């Protein structure tokens, strides 16, 4: 990085040069303001140290020239920011300091200065080790003195900044730098850049609308503040302000930006991991189905030629185990389809009486627990409109869950009735072991598992009820559960009679 030392005293120039060169900076010298302006046009720099008391053109005049439109576009290596200027003076006073800040100085040193102090300050300005060093701040302020003052405060935080005189230019720059745009500071009362127009333009751009914004307002504009907050303003500060106050507010908004950015990065990572998990489950589910189908097919062929009761019993165990595995695979595939939006609802008319009777017959045929299945139908019109495949999965999930957690010789009853002319209700009530109260709120969560197998050791992976609720929602319905331990569980399903398709 390049630094220009402007001082009429050779000894002072040499002291500063020696110090800065130990920090690895490339140093140039000028003995007057006039010489400095000529050198800077030919050789832009990253920072300037400027003596105040020089014959001819003093430090204040030199700095004013540096900040003028004629020179400032040439003298800085970083075209997006004004070159930082450090004043060095032997007559230090609050009045002199304010005069220096007014013309564009960002720091003051009094002669004689402590060894190493200038290098330390230069490093802070040019090599800020800050939490905010990758962040950008946009300053929309027409008053040049205020722009310089705000830029100085931002720079001390280690933040890069860019000043603007035009709303259009600022919006274009913000869109290009949206990934690092940590804060936008806007002057309220500028006629050249109306603050409300700037806010509204920011809100129109998706990439920058969440960027924290700060409005600088005056006493007479208090009543207008509400409009800025409605337009998305994050904070406001009354002018004139204390430097420490604005410094704290800038830090607060930059921290807010960093936290939000980290939150979105974590969410993106979680979404990516979730997608990898879904892809893995889908691949595994498809790959597992092929060997299971082979086992089922071969078991059925063997059963035709085997007459020994014990061997037939073993084949039944193989068949039941394969069917359980198939149900698990179907559950995994359903989760994949639901999450990827590939589950399509295809409505059709069905007779719910025939549908439920046929479903119960299947459970009665495989009724190893000798459960008493009952059906009570009280629908005014048995014809409903629904997706038959999805509806079958819902009823099977609820019935298989009730069967799994009901003891031998228990009872499972299905009640179906019309609520009104718009909805019908199906209730599945069992006399099973029930669900502990603490698990009821999360029963329909993905992979929710109450930590118990069925009454005969049937396994559970915690997907059935989550899939059920998701499928019910896809049909425009709702599902509820009531349960009491060692008494039983009641699932209530409500669906629209006329069907629902998103």
Protein backbone atom coordinates (compact mmCIF):
# COMPACT_ATOMS: atom_id res chain seq x y z
CA UNK A 1 0.00 0.00 0.00
CA UNK A 2 1.18 3.52 -0.85
CA UNK A 3 1.38 6.45 1.57
CA UNK A 4 2.28 10.08 0.86
CA UNK A 5 3.94 12.17 3.61
CA UNK A 6 3.37 15.93 3.17
CA UNK A 7 5.55 18.03 5.50
CA UNK A 8 7.92 20.95 4.97
CA UNK A 9 10.40 19.58 7.57
CA UNK A 10 12.78 16.89 6.31
CA UNK A 11 13.38 15.45 9.80
CA UNK A 12 9.65 14.87 10.39
CA UNK A 13 9.25 13.28 6.96
CA UNK A 14 12.16 10.93 7.66
CA UNK A 15 10.80 9.91 11.09
CA UNK A 16 7.39 9.06 9.62
CA UNK A 17 8.97 7.28 6.62
CA UNK A 18 11.15 5.06 8.84
CA UNK A 19 8.15 4.10 10.95
CA UNK A 20 5.83 3.32 8.03
CA UNK A 21 8.42 1.37 6.04
CA UNK A 22 8.83 -1.02 8.98
CA UNK A 23 5.14 -1.79 8.47
CA UNK A 24 5.73 -2.74 4.84
CA UNK A 25 4.25 0.41 3.28
CA UNK A 26 5.58 2.08 0.12
CA UNK A 27 6.27 5.70 1.09
CA UNK A 28 6.46 8.90 -0.99
CA UNK A 29 7.25 12.43 0.16
CA UNK A 30 6.25 16.00 -0.69
CA UNK A 31 7.56 19.15 1.02
CA UNK A 32 4.56 21.36 0.16
CA UNK A 33 0.89 21.25 -0.73
CA UNK A 34 1.56 22.25 -4.34
CA UNK A 35 4.15 19.48 -4.81
CA UNK A 36 1.77 16.95 -3.22
CA UNK A 37 -1.08 17.75 -5.63
CA UNK A 38 1.19 17.25 -8.63
CA UNK A 39 2.57 13.94 -7.31
CA UNK A 40 -0.86 12.60 -6.37
CA UNK A 41 -2.29 13.12 -9.85
CA UNK A 42 0.62 11.09 -11.23
CA UNK A 43 0.78 8.50 -8.45
CA UNK A 44 -2.44 7.74 -6.45
CA UNK A 45 -2.02 6.55 -2.84
CA UNK A 46 -3.96 4.78 -0.08
CA UNK A 47 -3.33 7.30 2.74
CA UNK A 48 -1.84 10.75 3.34
CA UNK A 49 -0.15 12.25 6.41
CA UNK A 50 -0.43 16.03 6.21
CA UNK A 51 1.36 18.74 8.17
CA UNK A 52 -0.95 21.62 9.10
CA UNK A 53 1.59 24.45 9.50
CA UNK A 54 3.30 24.74 6.11
CA UNK A 55 4.36 27.93 4.32
CA UNK A 56 2.31 28.92 1.30
CA UNK A 57 -0.51 26.38 1.09
CA UNK A 58 -1.22 25.14 4.64
CA UNK A 59 -2.70 21.76 5.58
CA UNK A 60 -6.33 22.94 5.66
CA UNK A 61 -6.12 24.40 2.16
CA UNK A 62 -4.28 21.35 0.85
CA UNK A 63 -6.89 18.98 2.28
CA UNK A 64 -9.73 21.07 0.84
CA UNK A 65 -8.08 20.82 -2.58
CA UNK A 66 -7.66 17.05 -2.16
CA UNK A 67 -11.39 16.70 -1.46
CA UNK A 68 -12.42 18.85 -4.44
CA UNK A 69 -13.94 17.20 -7.51
CA UNK A 70 -10.91 18.26 -9.53
CA UNK A 71 -8.48 16.09 -7.55
CA UNK A 72 -10.27 13.42 -5.51
CA UNK A 73 -11.01 11.15 -8.48
CA UNK A 74 -7.27 10.92 -9.22
CA UNK A 75 -5.54 10.71 -5.86
CA UNK A 76 -6.98 7.53 -4.26
CA UNK A 77 -5.90 3.97 -5.11
CA UNK A 78 -9.34 2.82 -3.97
CA UNK A 79 -11.71 4.64 -6.33
CA UNK A 80 -14.77 3.76 -4.23
CA UNK A 81 -13.57 5.75 -1.18
CA UNK A 82 -11.90 9.09 -0.41
CA UNK A 83 -8.22 8.80 0.49
CA UNK A 84 -7.80 8.95 4.31
CA UNK A 85 -5.91 12.02 5.59
CA UNK A 86 -4.12 12.17 8.98
CA UNK A 87 -3.30 15.69 10.20
CA UNK A 88 -0.03 16.29 12.05
CA UNK A 89 0.27 19.60 13.91
CA UNK A 90 2.16 21.36 16.68
CA UNK A 91 -0.79 23.61 17.62
CA UNK A 92 -3.45 21.16 18.75
CA UNK A 93 -6.74 22.52 20.14
CA UNK A 94 -10.45 21.56 19.92
CA UNK A 95 -11.03 24.42 17.47
CA UNK A 96 -8.13 23.36 15.24
CA UNK A 97 -9.24 19.74 15.33
CA UNK A 98 -12.81 20.64 14.35
CA UNK A 99 -11.47 22.76 11.50
CA UNK A 100 -9.43 19.78 10.31
CA UNK A 101 -12.36 17.37 10.49
CA UNK A 102 -14.51 19.87 8.59
CA UNK A 103 -12.11 19.82 5.63
CA UNK A 104 -11.77 16.03 5.63
CA UNK A 105 -9.20 14.82 8.18
CA UNK A 106 -9.97 11.50 9.87
CA UNK A 107 -7.30 11.61 12.62
CA UNK A 108 -5.04 14.11 14.43
CA UNK A 109 -1.51 13.78 15.80
CA UNK A 110 0.29 16.40 17.88
CA UNK A 111 4.03 16.99 17.56
CA UNK A 112 6.06 15.46 19.08
CA UNK A 113 4.28 12.13 18.58
CA UNK A 114 5.05 8.87 20.35
CA UNK A 115 7.18 6.39 18.42
CA UNK A 116 5.05 3.72 16.75
CA UNK A 117 1.79 5.63 17.23
CA UNK A 118 1.46 6.70 13.59
CA UNK A 119 2.12 3.17 12.27
CA UNK A 120 -0.43 1.77 14.72
CA UNK A 121 -3.09 4.24 13.53
CA UNK A 122 -2.28 3.68 9.85
CA UNK A 123 -2.62 -0.08 10.34
CA UNK A 124 -6.02 0.41 11.97
CA UNK A 125 -7.17 2.46 8.98
CA UNK A 126 -5.66 0.45 6.12
CA UNK A 127 -5.52 -3.02 7.68
CA UNK A 128 -8.47 -3.12 10.05
CA UNK A 129 -8.76 -6.39 11.94
CA UNK A 130 -12.43 -5.99 12.47
CA UNK A 131 -15.53 -8.12 12.57
CA UNK A 132 -16.85 -5.75 9.95
CA UNK A 133 -13.87 -5.61 7.58
CA UNK A 134 -15.73 -7.36 4.74
CA UNK A 135 -18.84 -5.20 5.12
CA UNK A 136 -19.85 -2.19 3.04
CA UNK A 137 -21.78 0.90 4.13
CA UNK A 138 -23.64 3.15 1.70
CA UNK A 139 -23.84 6.84 2.68
CA UNK A 140 -26.56 8.87 0.93
CA UNK A 141 -25.82 12.34 2.25
CA UNK A 142 -25.78 15.51 0.16
CA UNK A 143 -23.81 17.55 2.71
CA UNK A 144 -20.14 16.79 2.02
CA UNK A 145 -18.93 17.62 5.53
CA UNK A 146 -21.41 15.14 7.01
CA UNK A 147 -20.44 12.52 4.42
CA UNK A 148 -16.81 12.82 5.44
CA UNK A 149 -17.69 12.70 9.13
CA UNK A 150 -19.85 9.57 8.74
CA UNK A 151 -17.20 7.96 6.54
CA UNK A 152 -14.61 8.60 9.25
CA UNK A 153 -16.79 6.91 11.88
CA UNK A 154 -17.43 3.95 9.56
CA UNK A 155 -13.73 3.64 8.75
CA UNK A 156 -12.84 3.50 12.44
CA UNK A 157 -15.13 0.48 12.68
CA UNK A 158 -13.07 -1.16 9.94
CA UNK A 159 -15.95 -0.90 7.45
CA UNK A 160 -15.60 -0.07 3.77
CA UNK A 161 -17.92 2.67 2.58
CA UNK A 162 -19.20 4.46 -0.49
CA UNK A 163 -20.74 7.95 -0.65
CA UNK A 164 -23.45 8.94 -3.15
CA UNK A 165 -25.09 12.06 -4.58
CA UNK A 166 -27.66 10.12 -6.63
CA UNK A 167 -30.32 7.57 -5.64
CA UNK A 168 -30.02 5.68 -8.94
CA UNK A 169 -26.24 5.34 -8.61
CA UNK A 170 -26.59 4.17 -5.01
CA UNK A 171 -29.22 1.51 -5.85
CA UNK A 172 -27.10 0.10 -8.69
CA UNK A 173 -24.04 -0.08 -6.43
CA UNK A 174 -26.05 -1.67 -3.60
CA UNK A 175 -27.37 -4.40 -5.91
CA UNK A 176 -23.82 -5.21 -7.04
CA UNK A 177 -22.55 -5.34 -3.43
CA UNK A 178 -25.64 -6.78 -1.70
CA UNK A 179 -23.76 -9.75 -0.20
CA UNK A 180 -21.60 -7.39 1.87
CA UNK A 181 -23.93 -4.39 2.24
CA UNK A 182 -24.27 -4.12 6.02
CA UNK A 183 -25.94 -0.70 6.36
CA UNK A 184 -27.43 2.19 4.38
CA UNK A 185 -27.31 5.67 5.96
CA UNK A 186 -29.71 8.22 4.44
CA UNK A 187 -30.09 11.98 4.94
CA UNK A 188 -33.77 12.76 5.53
CA UNK A 189 -34.05 16.34 4.33
CA UNK A 190 -32.02 16.29 1.12
CA UNK A 191 -33.95 17.77 -1.82
CA UNK A 192 -31.49 16.19 -4.26
CA UNK A 193 -31.99 12.70 -2.75
CA UNK A 194 -35.40 12.48 -1.00
CA UNK A 195 -35.02 9.90 1.76
CA UNK A 196 -38.47 8.37 1.29
CA UNK A 197 -37.77 7.85 -2.42
CA UNK A 198 -34.50 6.14 -1.52
CA UNK A 199 -36.24 3.86 1.00
CA UNK A 200 -38.97 2.93 -1.47
CA UNK A 201 -36.39 2.14 -4.16
CA UNK A 202 -34.48 -0.08 -1.73
CA UNK A 203 -37.68 -1.97 -0.83
CA UNK A 204 -38.34 -2.68 -4.52
CA UNK A 205 -35.08 -4.62 -4.87
CA UNK A 206 -35.27 -8.15 -3.48
CA UNK A 207 -31.50 -8.46 -2.99
CA UNK A 208 -31.21 -5.39 -0.72
CA UNK A 209 -34.66 -4.87 0.85
CA UNK A 210 -33.57 -6.63 4.08
CA UNK A 211 -30.46 -4.43 4.48
CA UNK A 212 -30.54 -2.33 7.69
CA UNK A 213 -31.21 1.36 6.97
CA UNK A 214 -30.68 4.41 9.17
CA UNK A 215 -32.35 7.80 8.66
CA UNK A 216 -30.74 11.07 9.82
CA UNK A 217 -33.47 13.58 10.67
CA UNK A 218 -33.91 17.05 12.16
CA UNK A 219 -36.30 18.29 14.85
CA UNK A 220 -38.76 19.81 12.40
CA UNK A 221 -39.23 16.47 10.60
CA UNK A 222 -40.28 14.42 13.66
CA UNK A 223 -43.83 13.86 12.40
CA UNK A 224 -42.53 12.26 9.19
CA UNK A 225 -40.54 9.49 10.88
CA UNK A 226 -43.49 7.09 10.95
CA UNK A 227 -43.48 6.99 7.13
CA UNK A 228 -39.86 5.83 7.08
CA UNK A 229 -40.44 3.03 9.56
CA UNK A 230 -43.43 1.90 7.50
CA UNK A 231 -41.15 1.92 4.44
CA UNK A 232 -38.69 -0.45 6.15
CA UNK A 233 -36.35 1.85 8.10
CA UNK A 234 -34.37 -0.01 10.81
CA UNK A 235 -33.22 2.94 12.93
CA UNK A 236 -33.10 6.72 13.03
CA UNK A 237 -30.89 9.36 14.60
CA UNK A 238 -31.54 13.01 15.24
CA UNK A 239 -29.02 15.56 13.97
CA UNK A 240 -26.82 17.05 15.24
CA UNK A 241 -25.58 13.88 16.90
CA UNK A 242 -22.73 12.77 19.14
CA UNK A 243 -20.09 10.68 17.37
CA UNK A 244 -20.19 8.00 20.08
CA UNK A 245 -23.96 7.68 19.69
CA UNK A 246 -23.83 7.13 15.94
CA UNK A 247 -20.87 4.77 16.37
CA UNK A 248 -22.91 2.56 18.70
CA UNK A 249 -25.91 2.61 16.38
CA UNK A 250 -23.76 1.67 13.38
CA UNK A 251 -22.27 -1.22 15.35
CA UNK A 252 -25.75 -2.40 16.39
CA UNK A 253 -27.04 -2.45 12.80
CA UNK A 254 -23.90 -4.13 11.44
CA UNK A 255 -24.22 -6.83 14.10
CA UNK A 256 -27.84 -7.27 13.08
CA UNK A 257 -26.78 -7.75 9.46
CA UNK A 258 -24.09 -10.29 10.42
CA UNK A 259 -26.52 -12.31 12.58
CA UNK A 260 -29.16 -12.38 9.83
CA UNK A 261 -26.56 -13.39 7.24
CA UNK A 262 -25.27 -16.20 9.45
CA UNK A 263 -28.85 -17.33 10.11
CA UNK A 264 -29.58 -17.56 6.37
CA UNK A 265 -26.31 -19.41 5.76
CA UNK A 266 -27.20 -21.97 8.44
CA UNK A 267 -30.71 -22.36 6.98
CA UNK A 268 -29.25 -22.91 3.50
CA UNK A 269 -26.87 -25.54 4.89
CA UNK A 270 -29.74 -27.29 6.69
CA UNK A 271 -31.85 -27.27 3.52
CA UNK A 272 -28.94 -28.75 1.59
CA UNK A 273 -28.43 -31.48 4.20
CA UNK A 274 -32.16 -32.18 4.25
CA UNK A 275 -32.15 -32.56 0.47
CA UNK A 276 -29.20 -34.97 0.66
CA UNK A 277 -31.08 -36.99 3.27
CA UNK A 278 -34.21 -37.14 1.09
CA UNK A 279 -32.19 -38.19 -1.96
CA UNK A 280 -30.49 -40.91 0.09
CA UNK A 281 -33.80 -42.21 1.46
CA UNK A 282 -35.34 -42.29 -2.01
CA UNK A 283 -32.38 -44.17 -3.46
CA UNK A 284 -32.33 -46.67 -0.58
CA UNK A 285 -36.08 -47.19 -0.75
CA UNK A 286 -36.02 -48.05 -4.45
CA UNK A 287 -32.95 -50.29 -4.09
CA UNK A 288 -34.46 -52.19 -1.14
CA UNK A 289 -37.78 -52.86 -2.85
CA UNK A 290 -36.26 -55.17 -5.52
CA UNK A 291 -34.72 -57.81 -3.19
CA UNK A 292 -37.77 -57.74 -0.89
CA UNK A 293 -40.10 -58.43 -3.82
CA UNK A 294 -37.85 -61.35 -4.80
CA UNK A 295 -38.03 -62.78 -1.26
CA UNK A 296 -41.82 -62.43 -1.22
CA UNK A 297 -42.21 -64.08 -4.61
CA UNK A 298 -39.95 -67.01 -3.76
CA UNK A 299 -41.69 -67.47 -0.38
CA UNK A 300 -45.07 -67.78 -2.10
CA UNK A 301 -43.65 -70.35 -4.56
CA UNK A 302 -42.19 -72.39 -1.69
CA UNK A 303 -45.50 -72.26 0.20
CA UNK A 304 -47.23 -74.08 -2.68
CA UNK A 305 -44.98 -77.15 -2.28
CA UNK A 306 -44.57 -77.20 1.51
CA UNK A 307 -47.15 -78.96 3.70
CA UNK A 308 -45.27 -79.13 7.00
CA UNK A 309 -47.00 -76.80 9.50
CA UNK A 310 -43.78 -75.63 11.14
CA UNK A 311 -42.16 -74.81 7.80
CA UNK A 312 -45.31 -73.00 6.66
CA UNK A 313 -45.18 -71.00 9.90
CA UNK A 314 -41.59 -69.99 9.13
CA UNK A 315 -42.63 -68.88 5.64
CA UNK A 316 -45.44 -66.79 7.16
CA UNK A 317 -42.88 -65.09 9.41
CA UNK A 318 -40.73 -64.33 6.34
CA UNK A 319 -43.78 -62.97 4.50
CA UNK A 320 -44.90 -60.81 7.45
CA UNK A 321 -41.39 -59.43 7.91
CA UNK A 322 -41.19 -58.56 4.21
CA UNK A 323 -44.59 -56.86 4.36
CA UNK A 324 -43.47 -54.78 7.35
CA UNK A 325 -40.33 -53.78 5.48
CA UNK A 326 -42.42 -52.91 2.40
CA UNK A 327 -44.62 -50.64 4.52
CA UNK A 328 -41.54 -48.88 5.87
CA UNK A 329 -40.21 -48.41 2.34
CA UNK A 330 -43.58 -47.04 1.20
CA UNK A 331 -43.46 -44.58 4.09
CA UNK A 332 -39.98 -43.41 3.10
CA UNK A 333 -41.05 -43.01 -0.53
CA UNK A 334 -44.13 -41.06 0.53
CA UNK A 335 -41.99 -38.66 2.55
CA UNK A 336 -39.77 -38.13 -0.50
CA UNK A 337 -42.74 -37.43 -2.79
CA UNK A 338 -44.35 -35.06 -0.31
CA UNK A 339 -41.17 -33.03 0.24
CA UNK A 340 -40.31 -32.77 -3.44
CA UNK A 341 -43.88 -31.84 -4.38
CA UNK A 342 -44.26 -34.93 -6.59
CA UNK A 343 -47.34 -36.20 -4.76
CA UNK A 344 -50.25 -35.27 -7.04
CA UNK A 345 -53.88 -35.29 -5.89
CA UNK A 346 -56.20 -37.01 -8.38
CA UNK A 347 -59.83 -36.73 -7.28
CA UNK A 348 -62.46 -39.35 -8.02
CA UNK A 349 -65.84 -40.47 -6.68
CA UNK A 350 -65.89 -43.44 -4.32
CA UNK A 351 -68.51 -45.16 -2.19
CA UNK A 352 -67.16 -44.76 1.32
CA UNK A 353 -69.33 -47.62 2.66
CA UNK A 354 -67.85 -50.12 0.20
CA UNK A 355 -64.37 -48.63 0.63
CA UNK A 356 -64.28 -48.99 4.44
CA UNK A 357 -65.91 -52.44 4.39
CA UNK A 358 -63.31 -53.68 1.89
CA UNK A 359 -60.48 -52.19 3.95
CA UNK A 360 -61.68 -53.82 7.18
CA UNK A 361 -61.97 -57.23 5.49
CA UNK A 362 -58.25 -57.07 4.74
CA UNK A 363 -57.47 -56.51 8.44
CA UNK A 364 -59.89 -59.22 9.54
CA UNK A 365 -58.23 -61.77 7.19
CA UNK A 366 -54.82 -61.09 8.78
CA UNK A 367 -56.21 -60.73 12.30
CA UNK A 368 -53.54 -62.60 14.28
CA UNK A 369 -54.48 -60.68 17.46
CA UNK A 370 -58.16 -61.69 17.19
CA UNK A 371 -59.16 -58.01 17.43
CA UNK A 372 -62.86 -57.20 17.12
CA UNK A 373 -63.15 -54.74 14.20
CA UNK A 374 -66.46 -52.84 14.10
CA UNK A 375 -67.89 -50.48 11.49
CA UNK A 376 -70.64 -47.92 12.13
CA UNK A 377 -71.64 -45.88 9.04
CA UNK A 378 -74.09 -42.98 9.34
CA UNK A 379 -73.37 -40.89 6.24
CA UNK A 380 -76.41 -39.41 4.51
CA UNK A 381 -74.79 -39.94 1.12
CA UNK A 382 -72.10 -42.65 0.81
CA UNK A 383 -70.58 -41.00 -2.29
CA UNK A 384 -67.58 -38.78 -1.59
CA UNK A 385 -64.96 -37.12 -3.81
CA UNK A 386 -61.39 -37.91 -2.80
CA UNK A 387 -58.07 -39.23 -4.10
CA UNK A 388 -58.59 -43.01 -3.60
CA UNK A 389 -54.86 -43.80 -3.29
CA UNK A 390 -54.16 -41.06 -0.73
CA UNK A 391 -57.36 -41.85 1.19
CA UNK A 392 -56.38 -45.54 1.34
CA UNK A 393 -52.95 -44.63 2.77
CA UNK A 394 -54.56 -42.43 5.43
CA UNK A 395 -57.02 -45.10 6.58
CA UNK A 396 -54.35 -47.83 6.47
CA UNK A 397 -51.91 -45.73 8.51
CA UNK A 398 -54.48 -45.04 11.22
CA UNK A 399 -55.83 -48.61 11.30
CA UNK A 400 -52.38 -50.23 11.30
CA UNK A 401 -51.32 -47.90 14.13
CA UNK A 402 -54.39 -48.83 16.18
CA UNK A 403 -53.87 -52.53 15.43
CA UNK A 404 -50.21 -52.33 16.43
CA UNK A 405 -50.96 -50.83 19.85
CA UNK A 406 -54.10 -52.82 20.70
CA UNK A 407 -53.86 -56.01 22.79
CA UNK A 408 -55.16 -59.39 21.67
CA UNK A 409 -58.95 -59.62 21.77
CA UNK A 410 -59.22 -55.83 21.95
CA UNK A 411 -61.65 -53.67 19.96
CA UNK A 412 -61.20 -51.19 17.11
CA UNK A 413 -64.27 -49.33 15.89
CA UNK A 414 -64.68 -47.08 12.85
CA UNK A 415 -67.45 -44.49 12.94
CA UNK A 416 -68.27 -42.45 9.83
CA UNK A 417 -70.85 -39.67 9.70
CA UNK A 418 -71.71 -36.44 7.90
CA UNK A 419 -70.99 -33.25 9.89
CA UNK A 420 -72.94 -30.93 7.59
CA UNK A 421 -73.36 -30.52 3.88
CA UNK A 422 -69.66 -29.71 3.49
CA UNK A 423 -67.65 -32.18 5.59
CA UNK A 424 -67.66 -35.79 6.74
CA UNK A 425 -65.91 -37.29 9.74
CA UNK A 426 -64.24 -40.64 10.35
CA UNK A 427 -63.27 -41.76 13.84
CA UNK A 428 -61.04 -44.75 14.62
CA UNK A 429 -61.27 -45.71 18.30
CA UNK A 430 -59.28 -48.52 19.90
CA UNK A 431 -58.96 -50.10 23.35
CA UNK A 432 -55.17 -50.20 23.12
CA UNK A 433 -52.34 -49.18 25.43
CA UNK A 434 -52.82 -45.48 24.71
CA UNK A 435 -50.26 -42.72 24.22
CA UNK A 436 -48.49 -40.92 27.10
CA UNK A 437 -49.81 -37.36 27.40
CA UNK A 438 -46.35 -35.81 26.98
CA UNK A 439 -46.03 -37.35 23.49
CA UNK A 440 -49.41 -36.20 22.14
CA UNK A 441 -48.28 -32.68 21.02
CA UNK A 442 -45.52 -34.12 18.80
CA UNK A 443 -47.23 -37.31 17.62
CA UNK A 444 -47.57 -35.97 14.06
CA UNK A 445 -43.97 -34.69 13.87
CA UNK A 446 -41.54 -36.34 11.46
CA UNK A 447 -39.74 -39.33 13.03
CA UNK A 448 -41.72 -38.86 16.25
CA UNK A 449 -41.38 -42.08 18.22
CA UNK A 450 -42.89 -42.61 21.66
CA UNK A 451 -40.23 -45.18 22.46
CA UNK A 452 -42.48 -48.25 22.46
CA UNK A 453 -43.09 -51.11 20.06
CA UNK A 454 -46.53 -52.60 19.47
CA UNK A 455 -48.19 -54.96 21.94
CA UNK A 456 -46.65 -57.95 20.10
CA UNK A 457 -43.27 -56.28 19.54
CA UNK A 458 -44.20 -54.68 16.20
CA UNK A 459 -41.52 -52.08 15.29
CA UNK A 460 -42.21 -48.39 14.67
CA UNK A 461 -40.02 -45.86 12.83
CA UNK A 462 -42.18 -42.84 13.67
CA UNK A 463 -43.21 -41.87 10.14
CA UNK A 464 -46.79 -43.14 9.88
CA UNK A 465 -48.58 -40.35 11.74
CA UNK A 466 -46.46 -37.60 10.17
CA UNK A 467 -47.31 -38.95 6.71
CA UNK A 468 -50.96 -39.25 7.71
CA UNK A 469 -51.23 -35.60 8.73
CA UNK A 470 -49.42 -34.46 5.58
CA UNK A 471 -51.69 -36.57 3.35
CA UNK A 472 -54.81 -35.35 5.16
CA UNK A 473 -53.66 -31.75 4.62
CA UNK A 474 -53.16 -32.45 0.90
CA UNK A 475 -56.89 -33.35 0.78
CA UNK A 476 -57.91 -30.18 2.62
CA UNK A 477 -58.71 -31.98 5.87
CA UNK A 478 -57.61 -32.21 9.49
CA UNK A 479 -56.70 -35.03 11.86
CA UNK A 480 -56.79 -34.98 15.67
CA UNK A 481 -55.87 -37.46 18.38
CA UNK A 482 -57.14 -38.08 21.92
CA UNK A 483 -55.64 -40.76 24.12
CA UNK A 484 -55.43 -42.10 27.65
CA UNK A 485 -52.87 -44.65 28.75
CA UNK A 486 -54.25 -48.19 29.22
CA UNK A 487 -57.68 -46.98 28.05
CA UNK A 488 -57.22 -46.38 24.33
CA UNK A 489 -56.82 -43.87 21.52
CA UNK A 490 -59.25 -42.03 19.26
CA UNK A 491 -58.22 -40.57 15.88
CA UNK A 492 -60.66 -38.11 14.30
CA UNK A 493 -60.40 -37.37 10.59
CA UNK A 494 -62.38 -34.54 8.94
CA UNK A 495 -62.46 -34.12 5.13
CA UNK A 496 -64.51 -32.04 2.63
CA UNK A 497 -67.33 -33.93 0.92
CA UNK A 498 -66.74 -32.24 -2.42
CA UNK A 499 -63.01 -32.95 -2.51
CA UNK A 500 -60.05 -30.58 -2.41
CA UNK A 501 -57.17 -30.09 -4.81
CA UNK A 502 -54.83 -27.40 -3.45
